[in-house]
Amino acid sequence: DLTDLPGSGFGSEVTLWGQASERHGTALLSIDEVAHAAGTIGYEL
């Protein structure tokens, strides 16, 4: 969903889990949070 991200679009970096690249401030997305949403655990991912 890019609806509320007007500056993002074609070619934008998407971090599926882990750490965004330095140009985006090294924001973090826990692999555990992604796994939990999918009904599994970080180990499996």
All heavy atoms as atom14 arrays in JSON, in Angstrom:
{
  "sequence": "DLTDLPGSGFGSEVTLWGQASERHGTALLSIDEVAHAAGTIGYEL",
  "atom14_mask": [
    [1, 1, 1, 1, 1, 1, 1, 1, 0, 0, 0, 0, 0, 0],
    [1, 1, 1, 1, 1, 1, 1, 1, 0, 0, 0, 0, 0, 0],
    [1, 1, 1, 1, 1, 1, 1, 0, 0, 0, 0, 0, 0, 0],
    [1, 1, 1, 1, 1, 1, 1, 1, 0, 0, 0, 0, 0, 0],
    [1, 1, 1, 1, 1, 1, 1, 1, 0, 0, 0, 0, 0, 0],
    [1, 1, 1, 1, 1, 1, 1, 0, 0, 0, 0, 0, 0, 0],
    [1, 1, 1, 1, 0, 0, 0, 0, 0, 0, 0, 0, 0, 0],
    [1, 1, 1, 1, 1, 1, 0, 0, 0, 0, 0, 0, 0, 0],
    [1, 1, 1, 1, 0, 0, 0, 0, 0, 0, 0, 0, 0, 0],
    [1, 1, 1, 1, 1, 1, 1, 1, 1, 1, 1, 0, 0, 0],
    [1, 1, 1, 1, 0, 0, 0, 0, 0, 0, 0, 0, 0, 0],
    [1, 1, 1, 1, 1, 1, 0, 0, 0, 0, 0, 0, 0, 0],
    [1, 1, 1, 1, 1, 1, 1, 1, 1, 0, 0, 0, 0, 0],
    [1, 1, 1, 1, 1, 1, 1, 0, 0, 0, 0, 0, 0, 0],
    [1, 1, 1, 1, 1, 1, 1, 0, 0, 0, 0, 0, 0, 0],
    [1, 1, 1, 1, 1, 1, 1, 1, 0, 0, 0, 0, 0, 0],
    [1, 1, 1, 1, 1, 1, 1, 1, 1, 1, 1, 1, 1, 1],
    [1, 1, 1, 1, 0, 0, 0, 0, 0, 0, 0, 0, 0, 0],
    [1, 1, 1, 1, 1, 1, 1, 1, 1, 0, 0, 0, 0, 0],
    [1, 1, 1, 1, 1, 0, 0, 0, 0, 0, 0, 0, 0, 0],
    [1, 1, 1, 1, 1, 1, 0, 0, 0, 0, 0, 0, 0, 0],
    [1, 1, 1, 1, 1, 1, 1, 1, 1, 0, 0, 0, 0, 0],
    [1, 1, 1, 1, 1, 1, 1, 1, 1, 1, 1, 0, 0, 0],
    [1, 1, 1, 1, 1, 1, 1, 1, 1, 1, 0, 0, 0, 0],
    [1, 1, 1, 1, 0, 0, 0, 0, 0, 0, 0, 0, 0, 0],
    [1, 1, 1, 1, 1, 1, 1, 0, 0, 0, 0, 0, 0, 0],
    [1, 1, 1, 1, 1, 0, 0, 0, 0, 0, 0, 0, 0, 0],
    [1, 1, 1, 1, 1, 1, 1, 1, 0, 0, 0, 0, 0, 0],
    [1, 1, 1, 1, 1, 1, 1, 1, 0, 0, 0, 0, 0, 0],
    [1, 1, 1, 1, 1, 1, 0, 0, 0, 0, 0, 0, 0, 0],
    [1, 1, 1, 1, 1, 1, 1, 1, 0, 0, 0, 0, 0, 0],
    [1, 1, 1, 1, 1, 1, 1, 1, 0, 0, 0, 0, 0, 0],
    [1, 1, 1, 1, 1, 1, 1, 1, 1, 0, 0, 0, 0, 0],
    [1, 1, 1, 1, 1, 1, 1, 0, 0, 0, 0, 0, 0, 0],
    [1, 1, 1, 1, 1, 0, 0, 0, 0, 0, 0, 0, 0, 0],
    [1, 1, 1, 1, 1, 1, 1, 1, 1, 1, 0, 0, 0, 0],
    [1, 1, 1, 1, 1, 0, 0, 0, 0, 0, 0, 0, 0, 0],
    [1, 1, 1, 1, 1, 0, 0, 0, 0, 0, 0, 0, 0, 0],
    [1, 1, 1, 1, 0, 0, 0, 0, 0, 0, 0, 0, 0, 0],
    [1, 1, 1, 1, 1, 1, 1, 0, 0, 0, 0, 0, 0, 0],
    [1, 1, 1, 1, 1, 1, 1, 1, 0, 0, 0, 0, 0, 0],
    [1, 1, 1, 1, 0, 0, 0, 0, 0, 0, 0, 0, 0, 0],
    [1, 1, 1, 1, 1, 1, 1, 1, 1, 1, 1, 1, 0, 0],
    [1, 1, 1, 1, 1, 1, 1, 1, 1, 0, 0, 0, 0, 0],
    [1, 1, 1, 1, 1, 1, 1, 1, 0, 0, 0, 0, 0, 0]
  ],
  "atom14_positions": [
    [[0.84, -1.2, 0.0], [0.0, 0.0, 0.0], [0.88, 1.25, 0.0], [1.61, 1.51, 0.95], [-0.9, -0.03, 1.24], [-1.99, 1.02, 1.21], [-1.93, 1.91, 0.34], [-2.89, 0.94, 2.07], [0.0, 0.0, 0.0], [0.0, 0.0, 0.0], [0.0, 0.0, 0.0], [0.0, 0.0, 0.0], [0.0, 0.0, 0.0], [0.0, 0.0, 0.0]],
    [[0.79, 2.03, -1.09], [1.56, 3.27, -1.21], [0.68, 4.51, -1.03], [1.14, 5.64, -1.21], [2.24, 3.34, -2.58], [3.2, 2.21, -2.95], [3.75, 2.44, -4.35], [4.33, 2.1, -1.94], [0.0, 0.0, 0.0], [0.0, 0.0, 0.0], [0.0, 0.0, 0.0], [0.0, 0.0, 0.0], [0.0, 0.0, 0.0], [0.0, 0.0, 0.0]],
    [[-0.57, 4.3, -0.65], [-1.54, 5.39, -0.62], [-1.07, 6.57, 0.22], [-1.22, 7.73, -0.17], [-2.9, 4.88, -0.11], [-3.28, 3.72, -0.85], [-3.97, 5.96, -0.25], [0.0, 0.0, 0.0], [0.0, 0.0, 0.0], [0.0, 0.0, 0.0], [0.0, 0.0, 0.0], [0.0, 0.0, 0.0], [0.0, 0.0, 0.0], [0.0, 0.0, 0.0]],
    [[-0.5, 6.27, 1.37], [-0.08, 7.34, 2.28], [1.41, 7.63, 2.19], [1.99, 8.25, 3.09], [-0.46, 6.97, 3.72], [-1.97, 6.85, 3.9], [-2.7, 7.63, 3.26], [-2.41, 5.95, 4.65], [0.0, 0.0, 0.0], [0.0, 0.0, 0.0], [0.0, 0.0, 0.0], [0.0, 0.0, 0.0], [0.0, 0.0, 0.0], [0.0, 0.0, 0.0]],
    [[2.03, 7.17, 1.09], [3.46, 7.41, 0.86], [3.63, 8.09, -0.5], [4.14, 7.49, -1.45], [4.24, 6.09, 0.91], [4.13, 5.25, 2.19], [4.89, 3.94, 2.04], [4.65, 6.03, 3.4], [0.0, 0.0, 0.0], [0.0, 0.0, 0.0], [0.0, 0.0, 0.0], [0.0, 0.0, 0.0], [0.0, 0.0, 0.0], [0.0, 0.0, 0.0]],
    [[3.23, 9.34, -0.6], [3.23, 9.99, -1.92], [4.6, 10.12, -2.56], [4.71, 10.22, -3.78], [2.63, 11.38, -1.62], [2.85, 11.58, -0.15], [2.74, 10.23, 0.47], [0.0, 0.0, 0.0], [0.0, 0.0, 0.0], [0.0, 0.0, 0.0], [0.0, 0.0, 0.0], [0.0, 0.0, 0.0], [0.0, 0.0, 0.0], [0.0, 0.0, 0.0]],
    [[5.65, 10.1, -1.77], [6.99, 10.22, -2.34], [7.57, 8.92, -2.83], [8.67, 8.89, -3.4], [0.0, 0.0, 0.0], [0.0, 0.0, 0.0], [0.0, 0.0, 0.0], [0.0, 0.0, 0.0], [0.0, 0.0, 0.0], [0.0, 0.0, 0.0], [0.0, 0.0, 0.0], [0.0, 0.0, 0.0], [0.0, 0.0, 0.0], [0.0, 0.0, 0.0]],
    [[6.87, 7.83, -2.63], [7.36, 6.51, -3.02], [6.63, 6.02, -4.25], [5.47, 6.36, -4.48], [7.19, 5.51, -1.87], [7.94, 5.92, -0.73], [0.0, 0.0, 0.0], [0.0, 0.0, 0.0], [0.0, 0.0, 0.0], [0.0, 0.0, 0.0], [0.0, 0.0, 0.0], [0.0, 0.0, 0.0], [0.0, 0.0, 0.0], [0.0, 0.0, 0.0]],
    [[7.31, 5.19, -5.02], [6.7, 4.67, -6.23], [7.63, 3.75, -6.97], [8.37, 2.97, -6.34], [0.0, 0.0, 0.0], [0.0, 0.0, 0.0], [0.0, 0.0, 0.0], [0.0, 0.0, 0.0], [0.0, 0.0, 0.0], [0.0, 0.0, 0.0], [0.0, 0.0, 0.0], [0.0, 0.0, 0.0], [0.0, 0.0, 0.0], [0.0, 0.0, 0.0]],
    [[7.62, 3.82, -8.29], [8.46, 2.95, -9.11], [9.93, 3.06, -8.67], [10.48, 4.16, -8.54], [8.33, 3.35, -10.58], [9.15, 2.48, -11.5], [8.67, 1.28, -11.96], [10.42, 2.88, -11.9], [9.42, 0.47, -12.81], [11.19, 2.08, -12.74], [10.69, 0.87, -13.19], [0.0, 0.0, 0.0], [0.0, 0.0, 0.0], [0.0, 0.0, 0.0]],
    [[10.55, 1.91, -8.4], [11.95, 1.88, -8.01], [12.21, 2.06, -6.53], [13.37, 1.97, -6.09], [0.0, 0.0, 0.0], [0.0, 0.0, 0.0], [0.0, 0.0, 0.0], [0.0, 0.0, 0.0], [0.0, 0.0, 0.0], [0.0, 0.0, 0.0], [0.0, 0.0, 0.0], [0.0, 0.0, 0.0], [0.0, 0.0, 0.0], [0.0, 0.0, 0.0]],
    [[11.18, 2.33, -5.75], [11.38, 2.51, -4.31], [11.88, 1.23, -3.65], [11.51, 0.12, -4.05], [10.08, 2.96, -3.63], [9.79, 4.3, -3.92], [0.0, 0.0, 0.0], [0.0, 0.0, 0.0], [0.0, 0.0, 0.0], [0.0, 0.0, 0.0], [0.0, 0.0, 0.0], [0.0, 0.0, 0.0], [0.0, 0.0, 0.0], [0.0, 0.0, 0.0]],
    [[12.71, 1.4, -2.63], [13.22, 0.25, -1.87], [12.15, -0.28, -0.93], [11.51, 0.49, -0.2], [14.45, 0.66, -1.05], [14.99, -0.45, -0.18], [16.09, 0.03, 0.75], [17.24, 0.1, 0.29], [15.79, 0.36, 1.93], [0.0, 0.0, 0.0], [0.0, 0.0, 0.0], [0.0, 0.0, 0.0], [0.0, 0.0, 0.0], [0.0, 0.0, 0.0]],
    [[11.98, -1.6, -0.93], [11.04, -2.26, -0.04], [11.83, -3.22, 0.85], [12.52, -4.11, 0.35], [9.97, -3.03, -0.82], [8.99, -3.7, 0.14], [9.23, -2.08, -1.77], [0.0, 0.0, 0.0], [0.0, 0.0, 0.0], [0.0, 0.0, 0.0], [0.0, 0.0, 0.0], [0.0, 0.0, 0.0], [0.0, 0.0, 0.0], [0.0, 0.0, 0.0]],
    [[11.73, -3.02, 2.16], [12.38, -3.92, 3.12], [11.32, -4.89, 3.61], [10.37, -4.5, 4.3], [12.98, -3.14, 4.3], [13.91, -2.17, 3.79], [13.69, -4.07, 5.26], [0.0, 0.0, 0.0], [0.0, 0.0, 0.0], [0.0, 0.0, 0.0], [0.0, 0.0, 0.0], [0.0, 0.0, 0.0], [0.0, 0.0, 0.0], [0.0, 0.0, 0.0]],
    [[11.48, -6.16, 3.23], [10.51, -7.19, 3.62], [10.72, -7.61, 5.07], [9.76, -7.94, 5.77], [10.61, -8.4, 2.69], [10.1, -8.26, 1.25], [8.71, -7.63, 1.2], [11.04, -7.5, 0.35], [0.0, 0.0, 0.0], [0.0, 0.0, 0.0], [0.0, 0.0, 0.0], [0.0, 0.0, 0.0], [0.0, 0.0, 0.0], [0.0, 0.0, 0.0]],
    [[11.96, -7.65, 5.49], [12.31, -7.78, 6.91], [13.75, -7.34, 7.09], [14.52, -7.29, 6.14], [12.1, -9.2, 7.44], [12.93, -10.29, 6.82], [14.28, -10.49, 6.94], [12.45, -11.38, 6.02], [14.68, -11.6, 6.26], [13.58, -12.19, 5.68], [11.19, -11.76, 5.58], [13.47, -13.33, 4.91], [11.08, -12.9, 4.8], [12.2, -13.68, 4.47]],
    [[14.07, -6.96, 8.3], [15.44, -6.55, 8.6], [15.6, -5.05, 8.62], [14.74, -4.31, 9.11], [0.0, 0.0, 0.0], [0.0, 0.0, 0.0], [0.0, 0.0, 0.0], [0.0, 0.0, 0.0], [0.0, 0.0, 0.0], [0.0, 0.0, 0.0], [0.0, 0.0, 0.0], [0.0, 0.0, 0.0], [0.0, 0.0, 0.0], [0.0, 0.0, 0.0]],
    [[16.69, -4.59, 8.07], [17.12, -3.19, 8.17], [17.09, -2.53, 6.8], [17.64, -3.07, 5.83], [18.54, -3.15, 8.75], [19.15, -1.78, 8.86], [20.53, -1.86, 9.49], [20.68, -2.1, 10.68], [21.55, -1.66, 8.68], [0.0, 0.0, 0.0], [0.0, 0.0, 0.0], [0.0, 0.0, 0.0], [0.0, 0.0, 0.0], [0.0, 0.0, 0.0]],
    [[16.45, -1.37, 6.71], [16.48, -0.6, 5.48], [17.9, -0.11, 5.23], [18.73, -0.04, 6.14], [15.51, 0.57, 5.55], [0.0, 0.0, 0.0], [0.0, 0.0, 0.0], [0.0, 0.0, 0.0], [0.0, 0.0, 0.0], [0.0, 0.0, 0.0], [0.0, 0.0, 0.0], [0.0, 0.0, 0.0], [0.0, 0.0, 0.0], [0.0, 0.0, 0.0]],
    [[18.19, 0.25, 3.99], [19.53, 0.74, 3.68], [19.79, 2.09, 4.35], [18.86, 2.78, 4.78], [19.71, 0.85, 2.16], [18.78, 1.77, 1.63], [0.0, 0.0, 0.0], [0.0, 0.0, 0.0], [0.0, 0.0, 0.0], [0.0, 0.0, 0.0], [0.0, 0.0, 0.0], [0.0, 0.0, 0.0], [0.0, 0.0, 0.0], [0.0, 0.0, 0.0]],
    [[21.05, 2.47, 4.41], [21.44, 3.66, 5.15], [20.77, 4.93, 4.63], [20.5, 5.85, 5.4], [22.96, 3.83, 5.11], [23.71, 2.8, 5.94], [25.2, 3.06, 5.96], [25.63, 4.05, 5.34], [25.92, 2.27, 6.6], [0.0, 0.0, 0.0], [0.0, 0.0, 0.0], [0.0, 0.0, 0.0], [0.0, 0.0, 0.0], [0.0, 0.0, 0.0]],
    [[20.49, 5.0, 3.35], [19.87, 6.21, 2.82], [18.46, 6.42, 3.34], [17.88, 7.49, 3.18], [19.87, 6.18, 1.28], [19.01, 5.1, 0.65], [19.12, 5.19, -0.88], [18.36, 4.15, -1.55], [18.8, 2.93, -1.79], [20.02, 2.58, -1.4], [18.04, 2.05, -2.43], [0.0, 0.0, 0.0], [0.0, 0.0, 0.0], [0.0, 0.0, 0.0]],
    [[17.91, 5.38, 3.98], [16.59, 5.51, 4.59], [16.66, 5.46, 6.11], [15.69, 5.1, 6.79], [15.66, 4.42, 4.07], [15.44, 4.48, 2.59], [14.92, 5.59, 1.97], [15.69, 3.59, 1.6], [14.85, 5.39, 0.66], [15.32, 4.18, 0.41], [0.0, 0.0, 0.0], [0.0, 0.0, 0.0], [0.0, 0.0, 0.0], [0.0, 0.0, 0.0]],
    [[17.83, 5.78, 6.65], [17.98, 5.91, 8.1], [18.08, 4.6, 8.85], [17.91, 4.57, 10.06], [0.0, 0.0, 0.0], [0.0, 0.0, 0.0], [0.0, 0.0, 0.0], [0.0, 0.0, 0.0], [0.0, 0.0, 0.0], [0.0, 0.0, 0.0], [0.0, 0.0, 0.0], [0.0, 0.0, 0.0], [0.0, 0.0, 0.0], [0.0, 0.0, 0.0]],
    [[18.36, 3.52, 8.13], [18.47, 2.18, 8.74], [17.27, 1.86, 9.62], [17.42, 1.34, 10.74], [19.79, 2.02, 9.52], [19.83, 2.98, 10.59], [20.99, 2.21, 8.62], [0.0, 0.0, 0.0], [0.0, 0.0, 0.0], [0.0, 0.0, 0.0], [0.0, 0.0, 0.0], [0.0, 0.0, 0.0], [0.0, 0.0, 0.0], [0.0, 0.0, 0.0]],
    [[16.07, 2.18, 9.15], [14.85, 1.79, 9.85], [14.79, 0.27, 9.95], [15.3, -0.45, 9.07], [13.62, 2.31, 9.1], [0.0, 0.0, 0.0], [0.0, 0.0, 0.0], [0.0, 0.0, 0.0], [0.0, 0.0, 0.0], [0.0, 0.0, 0.0], [0.0, 0.0, 0.0], [0.0, 0.0, 0.0], [0.0, 0.0, 0.0], [0.0, 0.0, 0.0]],
    [[14.16, -0.25, 10.99], [14.14, -1.68, 11.25], [12.73, -2.24, 11.16], [11.76, -1.61, 11.6], [14.69, -1.99, 12.64], [16.18, -1.7, 12.89], [16.51, -1.95, 14.36], [17.04, -2.57, 11.99], [0.0, 0.0, 0.0], [0.0, 0.0, 0.0], [0.0, 0.0, 0.0], [0.0, 0.0, 0.0], [0.0, 0.0, 0.0], [0.0, 0.0, 0.0]],
    [[12.62, -3.44, 10.61], [11.4, -4.22, 10.63], [11.77, -5.63, 11.08], [12.47, -6.36, 10.37], [10.75, -4.27, 9.24], [9.51, -5.18, 9.12], [8.4, -4.72, 10.05], [9.02, -5.23, 7.67], [0.0, 0.0, 0.0], [0.0, 0.0, 0.0], [0.0, 0.0, 0.0], [0.0, 0.0, 0.0], [0.0, 0.0, 0.0], [0.0, 0.0, 0.0]],
    [[11.34, -5.98, 12.25], [11.7, -7.28, 12.83], [11.17, -8.43, 11.99], [10.0, -8.46, 11.61], [11.13, -7.37, 14.25], [11.14, -8.7, 14.72], [0.0, 0.0, 0.0], [0.0, 0.0, 0.0], [0.0, 0.0, 0.0], [0.0, 0.0, 0.0], [0.0, 0.0, 0.0], [0.0, 0.0, 0.0], [0.0, 0.0, 0.0], [0.0, 0.0, 0.0]],
    [[12.03, -9.4, 11.73], [11.6, -10.61, 11.04], [10.54, -11.34, 11.84], [9.65, -11.99, 11.29], [12.81, -11.53, 10.73], [12.42, -12.62, 9.74], [13.39, -12.12, 12.01], [13.6, -13.44, 9.25], [0.0, 0.0, 0.0], [0.0, 0.0, 0.0], [0.0, 0.0, 0.0], [0.0, 0.0, 0.0], [0.0, 0.0, 0.0], [0.0, 0.0, 0.0]],
    [[10.59, -11.19, 13.17], [9.61, -11.84, 14.02], [8.22, -11.25, 13.82], [7.22, -11.97, 13.87], [10.02, -11.7, 15.49], [11.37, -12.32, 15.78], [11.58, -13.47, 15.37], [12.21, -11.66, 16.42], [0.0, 0.0, 0.0], [0.0, 0.0, 0.0], [0.0, 0.0, 0.0], [0.0, 0.0, 0.0], [0.0, 0.0, 0.0], [0.0, 0.0, 0.0]],
    [[8.15, -9.95, 13.59], [6.85, -9.31, 13.37], [6.23, -9.79, 12.06], [5.03, -10.05, 11.99], [7.02, -7.79, 13.37], [5.71, -7.03, 13.33], [5.88, -5.52, 13.39], [7.03, -5.05, 13.53], [4.85, -4.82, 13.29], [0.0, 0.0, 0.0], [0.0, 0.0, 0.0], [0.0, 0.0, 0.0], [0.0, 0.0, 0.0], [0.0, 0.0, 0.0]],
    [[7.05, -9.9, 11.03], [6.56, -10.4, 9.75], [6.09, -11.85, 9.9], [5.01, -12.24, 9.44], [7.65, -10.3, 8.67], [7.17, -10.88, 7.35], [8.08, -8.84, 8.5], [0.0, 0.0, 0.0], [0.0, 0.0, 0.0], [0.0, 0.0, 0.0], [0.0, 0.0, 0.0], [0.0, 0.0, 0.0], [0.0, 0.0, 0.0], [0.0, 0.0, 0.0]],
    [[6.91, -12.67, 10.55], [6.56, -14.07, 10.73], [5.28, -14.22, 11.55], [4.41, -15.05, 11.23], [7.72, -14.8, 11.41], [0.0, 0.0, 0.0], [0.0, 0.0, 0.0], [0.0, 0.0, 0.0], [0.0, 0.0, 0.0], [0.0, 0.0, 0.0], [0.0, 0.0, 0.0], [0.0, 0.0, 0.0], [0.0, 0.0, 0.0], [0.0, 0.0, 0.0]],
    [[5.15, -13.43, 12.6], [3.97, -13.5, 13.45], [2.71, -13.19, 12.65], [1.68, -13.86, 12.8], [4.13, -12.53, 14.62], [3.04, -12.61, 15.64], [2.88, -13.68, 16.49], [2.04, -11.73, 15.95], [1.84, -13.48, 17.29], [1.31, -12.29, 16.98], [0.0, 0.0, 0.0], [0.0, 0.0, 0.0], [0.0, 0.0, 0.0], [0.0, 0.0, 0.0]],
    [[2.78, -12.19, 11.79], [1.63, -11.84, 10.96], [1.24, -12.99, 10.04], [0.06, -13.18, 9.73], [1.94, -10.6, 10.13], [0.0, 0.0, 0.0], [0.0, 0.0, 0.0], [0.0, 0.0, 0.0], [0.0, 0.0, 0.0], [0.0, 0.0, 0.0], [0.0, 0.0, 0.0], [0.0, 0.0, 0.0], [0.0, 0.0, 0.0], [0.0, 0.0, 0.0]],
    [[2.24, -13.77, 9.61], [2.0, -14.9, 8.71], [1.71, -16.2, 9.45], [1.57, -17.25, 8.81], [3.2, -15.09, 7.79], [0.0, 0.0, 0.0], [0.0, 0.0, 0.0], [0.0, 0.0, 0.0], [0.0, 0.0, 0.0], [0.0, 0.0, 0.0], [0.0, 0.0, 0.0], [0.0, 0.0, 0.0], [0.0, 0.0, 0.0], [0.0, 0.0, 0.0]],
    [[1.65, -16.15, 10.77], [1.34, -17.34, 11.54], [2.48, -18.31, 11.67], [2.27, -19.51, 11.88], [0.0, 0.0, 0.0], [0.0, 0.0, 0.0], [0.0, 0.0, 0.0], [0.0, 0.0, 0.0], [0.0, 0.0, 0.0], [0.0, 0.0, 0.0], [0.0, 0.0, 0.0], [0.0, 0.0, 0.0], [0.0, 0.0, 0.0], [0.0, 0.0, 0.0]],
    [[3.72, -17.81, 11.61], [4.87, -18.69, 11.77], [5.91, -17.99, 12.66], [5.56, -17.09, 13.42], [5.45, -19.09, 10.4], [6.49, -20.04, 10.59], [5.95, -17.9, 9.6], [0.0, 0.0, 0.0], [0.0, 0.0, 0.0], [0.0, 0.0, 0.0], [0.0, 0.0, 0.0], [0.0, 0.0, 0.0], [0.0, 0.0, 0.0], [0.0, 0.0, 0.0]],
    [[7.15, -18.42, 12.58], [8.21, -17.87, 13.41], [9.38, -17.43, 12.54], [9.54, -17.9, 11.41], [8.69, -18.89, 14.46], [9.11, -20.21, 13.8], [7.61, -19.13, 15.5], [9.66, -21.24, 14.76], [0.0, 0.0, 0.0], [0.0, 0.0, 0.0], [0.0, 0.0, 0.0], [0.0, 0.0, 0.0], [0.0, 0.0, 0.0], [0.0, 0.0, 0.0]],
    [[10.19, -16.53, 13.09], [11.32, -16.0, 12.33], [12.27, -17.08, 11.84], [12.85, -16.95, 10.75], [0.0, 0.0, 0.0], [0.0, 0.0, 0.0], [0.0, 0.0, 0.0], [0.0, 0.0, 0.0], [0.0, 0.0, 0.0], [0.0, 0.0, 0.0], [0.0, 0.0, 0.0], [0.0, 0.0, 0.0], [0.0, 0.0, 0.0], [0.0, 0.0, 0.0]],
    [[12.44, -18.15, 12.6], [13.3, -19.25, 12.19], [12.95, -19.73, 10.78], [13.82, -19.96, 9.94], [13.13, -20.46, 13.11], [13.35, -20.33, 14.57], [12.56, -19.52, 15.37], [14.34, -21.08, 15.2], [12.74, -19.44, 16.74], [14.53, -21.03, 16.57], [13.73, -20.2, 17.35], [13.91, -20.15, 18.7], [0.0, 0.0, 0.0], [0.0, 0.0, 0.0]],
    [[11.64, -19.91, 10.55], [11.21, -20.47, 9.28], [11.52, -19.53, 8.12], [11.95, -19.97, 7.05], [9.72, -20.8, 9.3], [9.24, -21.48, 8.03], [7.79, -21.92, 8.08], [7.05, -21.5, 8.99], [7.4, -22.69, 7.19], [0.0, 0.0, 0.0], [0.0, 0.0, 0.0], [0.0, 0.0, 0.0], [0.0, 0.0, 0.0], [0.0, 0.0, 0.0]],
    [[11.31, -18.23, 8.33], [11.58, -17.29, 7.26], [13.06, -17.26, 6.91], [13.43, -17.24, 5.73], [11.1, -15.88, 7.64], [9.61, -15.71, 7.94], [9.25, -14.23, 7.98], [8.74, -16.44, 6.94], [0.0, 0.0, 0.0], [0.0, 0.0, 0.0], [0.0, 0.0, 0.0], [0.0, 0.0, 0.0], [0.0, 0.0, 0.0], [0.0, 0.0, 0.0]]
  ]
}
